[in-house]
Every structure is written in C-alpha cells, then in structure tokens.
C-alpha cells in the first residue's frame, strides 16, 4: 500500500508511542477520556487564524473558516470515532 503525505507524516510505531507516553508520565488509556462536542469543533473552526500557511493536508485555513458551518458536524463525528475506536496500544 503506497504511503500518502499524511500517512508518512503521522506514521508512528506503537512501541514509540508507548515509550513516549511512559517518558511523559501519561497513562496509556488517556485517549479514551477525550470528549468532543460539535460546538467545540465549530468554535475552533471559527477562530482559526487565517494568515497561517497550508498544513500537511493542503487545506487553507481561510477555506476551513469559510465552510465551518458545513463541515463541523462531519468533523465532530470523525474526531469522536477516532478517539473512541482507535487505539495505538
């Protein structure tokens, strides 16, 4: 399977994450305690600093801010799914 820019940038092994969490004194189950609401996602999208350059995803902060009302619900569901289902351990 070919790697994308995103997967190359965020590829981290489980062993590395385990050691990083232990080094920082963080519990390994910490991701399970994250709760995200739609209003939080919308708030963050609306206060994006639009003068920043493009990120690794090649999406302009100006575009994110302009379409915030349209994308905050799907983004919220994506973030919830990631924090509830995905575990690096």
C-alpha atoms as a PDB file:
ATOM      1  CA  UNK A   1       0.000   0.000   0.000  1.00  0.00           C
ATOM      2  CA  UNK A   2       1.578   3.330  -1.027  1.00  0.00           C
ATOM      3  CA  UNK A   3       2.004   5.921   1.682  1.00  0.00           C
ATOM      4  CA  UNK A   4       0.420   9.333   1.309  1.00  0.00           C
ATOM      5  CA  UNK A   5       1.903  12.587   2.554  1.00  0.00           C
ATOM      6  CA  UNK A   6      -0.454  12.357   5.530  1.00  0.00           C
ATOM      7  CA  UNK A   7       0.441   8.791   6.483  1.00  0.00           C
ATOM      8  CA  UNK A   8       4.164   9.452   6.074  1.00  0.00           C
ATOM      9  CA  UNK A   9       3.951  12.498   8.332  1.00  0.00           C
ATOM     10  CA  UNK A  10       1.967  10.723  11.042  1.00  0.00           C
ATOM     11  CA  UNK A  11       3.407   7.206  10.907  1.00  0.00           C
ATOM     12  CA  UNK A  12       4.404   6.345  14.463  1.00  0.00           C
ATOM     13  CA  UNK A  13       5.010   2.870  15.780  1.00  0.00           C
ATOM     14  CA  UNK A  14       3.134   1.504  18.790  1.00  0.00           C
ATOM     15  CA  UNK A  15       6.443   0.919  20.557  1.00  0.00           C
ATOM     16  CA  UNK A  16       7.412   4.564  20.080  1.00  0.00           C
ATOM     17  CA  UNK A  17       4.037   5.789  21.387  1.00  0.00           C
ATOM     18  CA  UNK A  18       4.218   3.524  24.423  1.00  0.00           C
ATOM     19  CA  UNK A  19       7.693   4.776  25.319  1.00  0.00           C
ATOM     20  CA  UNK A  20       6.711   8.393  24.664  1.00  0.00           C
ATOM     21  CA  UNK A  21       3.682   8.135  26.962  1.00  0.00           C
ATOM     22  CA  UNK A  22       5.738   6.469  29.696  1.00  0.00           C
ATOM     23  CA  UNK A  23       8.500   9.070  29.344  1.00  0.00           C
ATOM     24  CA  UNK A  24       5.968  11.893  29.788  1.00  0.00           C
ATOM     25  CA  UNK A  25       4.221  10.094  32.649  1.00  0.00           C
ATOM     26  CA  UNK A  26       0.933   9.890  30.731  1.00  0.00           C
ATOM     27  CA  UNK A  27      -1.467   6.985  31.194  1.00  0.00           C
ATOM     28  CA  UNK A  28      -1.692   4.746  28.137  1.00  0.00           C
ATOM     29  CA  UNK A  29      -5.504   4.913  28.163  1.00  0.00           C
ATOM     30  CA  UNK A  30      -5.614   8.726  28.054  1.00  0.00           C
ATOM     31  CA  UNK A  31      -7.182   8.862  24.583  1.00  0.00           C
ATOM     32  CA  UNK A  32     -10.304   7.207  25.990  1.00  0.00           C
ATOM     33  CA  UNK A  33     -11.001  10.249  28.178  1.00  0.00           C
ATOM     34  CA  UNK A  34     -11.373  12.732  25.327  1.00  0.00           C
ATOM     35  CA  UNK A  35     -14.901  14.057  24.744  1.00  0.00           C
ATOM     36  CA  UNK A  36     -15.564  16.278  21.748  1.00  0.00           C
ATOM     37  CA  UNK A  37     -18.720  18.268  21.060  1.00  0.00           C
ATOM     38  CA  UNK A  38     -19.925  19.878  17.860  1.00  0.00           C
ATOM     39  CA  UNK A  39     -19.907  23.303  19.454  1.00  0.00           C
ATOM     40  CA  UNK A  40     -16.231  22.885  20.398  1.00  0.00           C
ATOM     41  CA  UNK A  41     -15.302  21.908  16.854  1.00  0.00           C
ATOM     42  CA  UNK A  42     -17.326  24.799  15.395  1.00  0.00           C
ATOM     43  CA  UNK A  43     -15.770  27.255  17.847  1.00  0.00           C
ATOM     44  CA  UNK A  44     -12.260  26.154  16.864  1.00  0.00           C
ATOM     45  CA  UNK A  45     -13.046  26.376  13.154  1.00  0.00           C
ATOM     46  CA  UNK A  46     -14.439  29.888  13.596  1.00  0.00           C
ATOM     47  CA  UNK A  47     -11.345  31.196  15.404  1.00  0.00           C
ATOM     48  CA  UNK A  48      -8.777  29.761  13.008  1.00  0.00           C
ATOM     49  CA  UNK A  49      -6.013  32.225  12.291  1.00  0.00           C
ATOM     50  CA  UNK A  50      -6.427  32.593   8.522  1.00  0.00           C
ATOM     51  CA  UNK A  51      -2.986  34.031   7.808  1.00  0.00           C
ATOM     52  CA  UNK A  52      -1.314  30.691   8.533  1.00  0.00           C
ATOM     53  CA  UNK A  53       0.154  28.744   5.607  1.00  0.00           C
ATOM     54  CA  UNK A  54      -1.338  25.493   4.330  1.00  0.00           C
ATOM     55  CA  UNK A  55      -0.830  22.449   6.518  1.00  0.00           C
ATOM     56  CA  UNK A  56       0.150  18.917   5.516  1.00  0.00           C
ATOM     57  CA  UNK A  57      -3.420  18.347   4.343  1.00  0.00           C
ATOM     58  CA  UNK A  58      -3.050  21.223   1.854  1.00  0.00           C
ATOM     59  CA  UNK A  59      -6.266  22.857   3.087  1.00  0.00           C
ATOM     60  CA  UNK A  60      -6.258  26.608   3.516  1.00  0.00           C
ATOM     61  CA  UNK A  61      -7.228  27.905   6.967  1.00  0.00           C
ATOM     62  CA  UNK A  62      -9.358  30.515   5.145  1.00  0.00           C
ATOM     63  CA  UNK A  63     -11.358  27.760   3.458  1.00  0.00           C
ATOM     64  CA  UNK A  64     -11.854  25.920   6.761  1.00  0.00           C
ATOM     65  CA  UNK A  65     -13.150  29.080   8.372  1.00  0.00           C
ATOM     66  CA  UNK A  66     -15.474  29.856   5.446  1.00  0.00           C
ATOM     67  CA  UNK A  67     -17.054  26.386   5.414  1.00  0.00           C
ATOM     68  CA  UNK A  68     -17.090  25.873   9.194  1.00  0.00           C
ATOM     69  CA  UNK A  69     -20.905  25.680   9.396  1.00  0.00           C
ATOM     70  CA  UNK A  70     -20.965  22.950   6.747  1.00  0.00           C
ATOM     71  CA  UNK A  71     -18.135  20.749   7.998  1.00  0.00           C
ATOM     72  CA  UNK A  72     -18.245  20.899  11.777  1.00  0.00           C
ATOM     73  CA  UNK A  73     -20.761  18.039  12.168  1.00  0.00           C
ATOM     74  CA  UNK A  74     -18.880  15.511   9.994  1.00  0.00           C
ATOM     75  CA  UNK A  75     -15.579  16.563  11.582  1.00  0.00           C
ATOM     76  CA  UNK A  76     -17.057  16.094  15.046  1.00  0.00           C
ATOM     77  CA  UNK A  77     -18.188  12.575  14.135  1.00  0.00           C
ATOM     78  CA  UNK A  78     -14.756  11.803  12.693  1.00  0.00           C
ATOM     79  CA  UNK A  79     -12.985  13.066  15.829  1.00  0.00           C
ATOM     80  CA  UNK A  80     -15.354  11.083  18.061  1.00  0.00           C
ATOM     81  CA  UNK A  81     -14.784   7.939  16.027  1.00  0.00           C
ATOM     82  CA  UNK A  82     -11.028   8.346  16.182  1.00  0.00           C
ATOM     83  CA  UNK A  83     -10.961   8.916  19.933  1.00  0.00           C
ATOM     84  CA  UNK A  84     -13.424   6.113  20.717  1.00  0.00           C
ATOM     85  CA  UNK A  85     -12.366   3.374  18.292  1.00  0.00           C
ATOM     86  CA  UNK A  86      -8.724   3.948  17.530  1.00  0.00           C
ATOM     87  CA  UNK A  87      -6.069   2.895  19.971  1.00  0.00           C
ATOM     88  CA  UNK A  88      -2.333   2.966  19.291  1.00  0.00           C
ATOM     89  CA  UNK A  89      -1.721   0.402  22.043  1.00  0.00           C
END
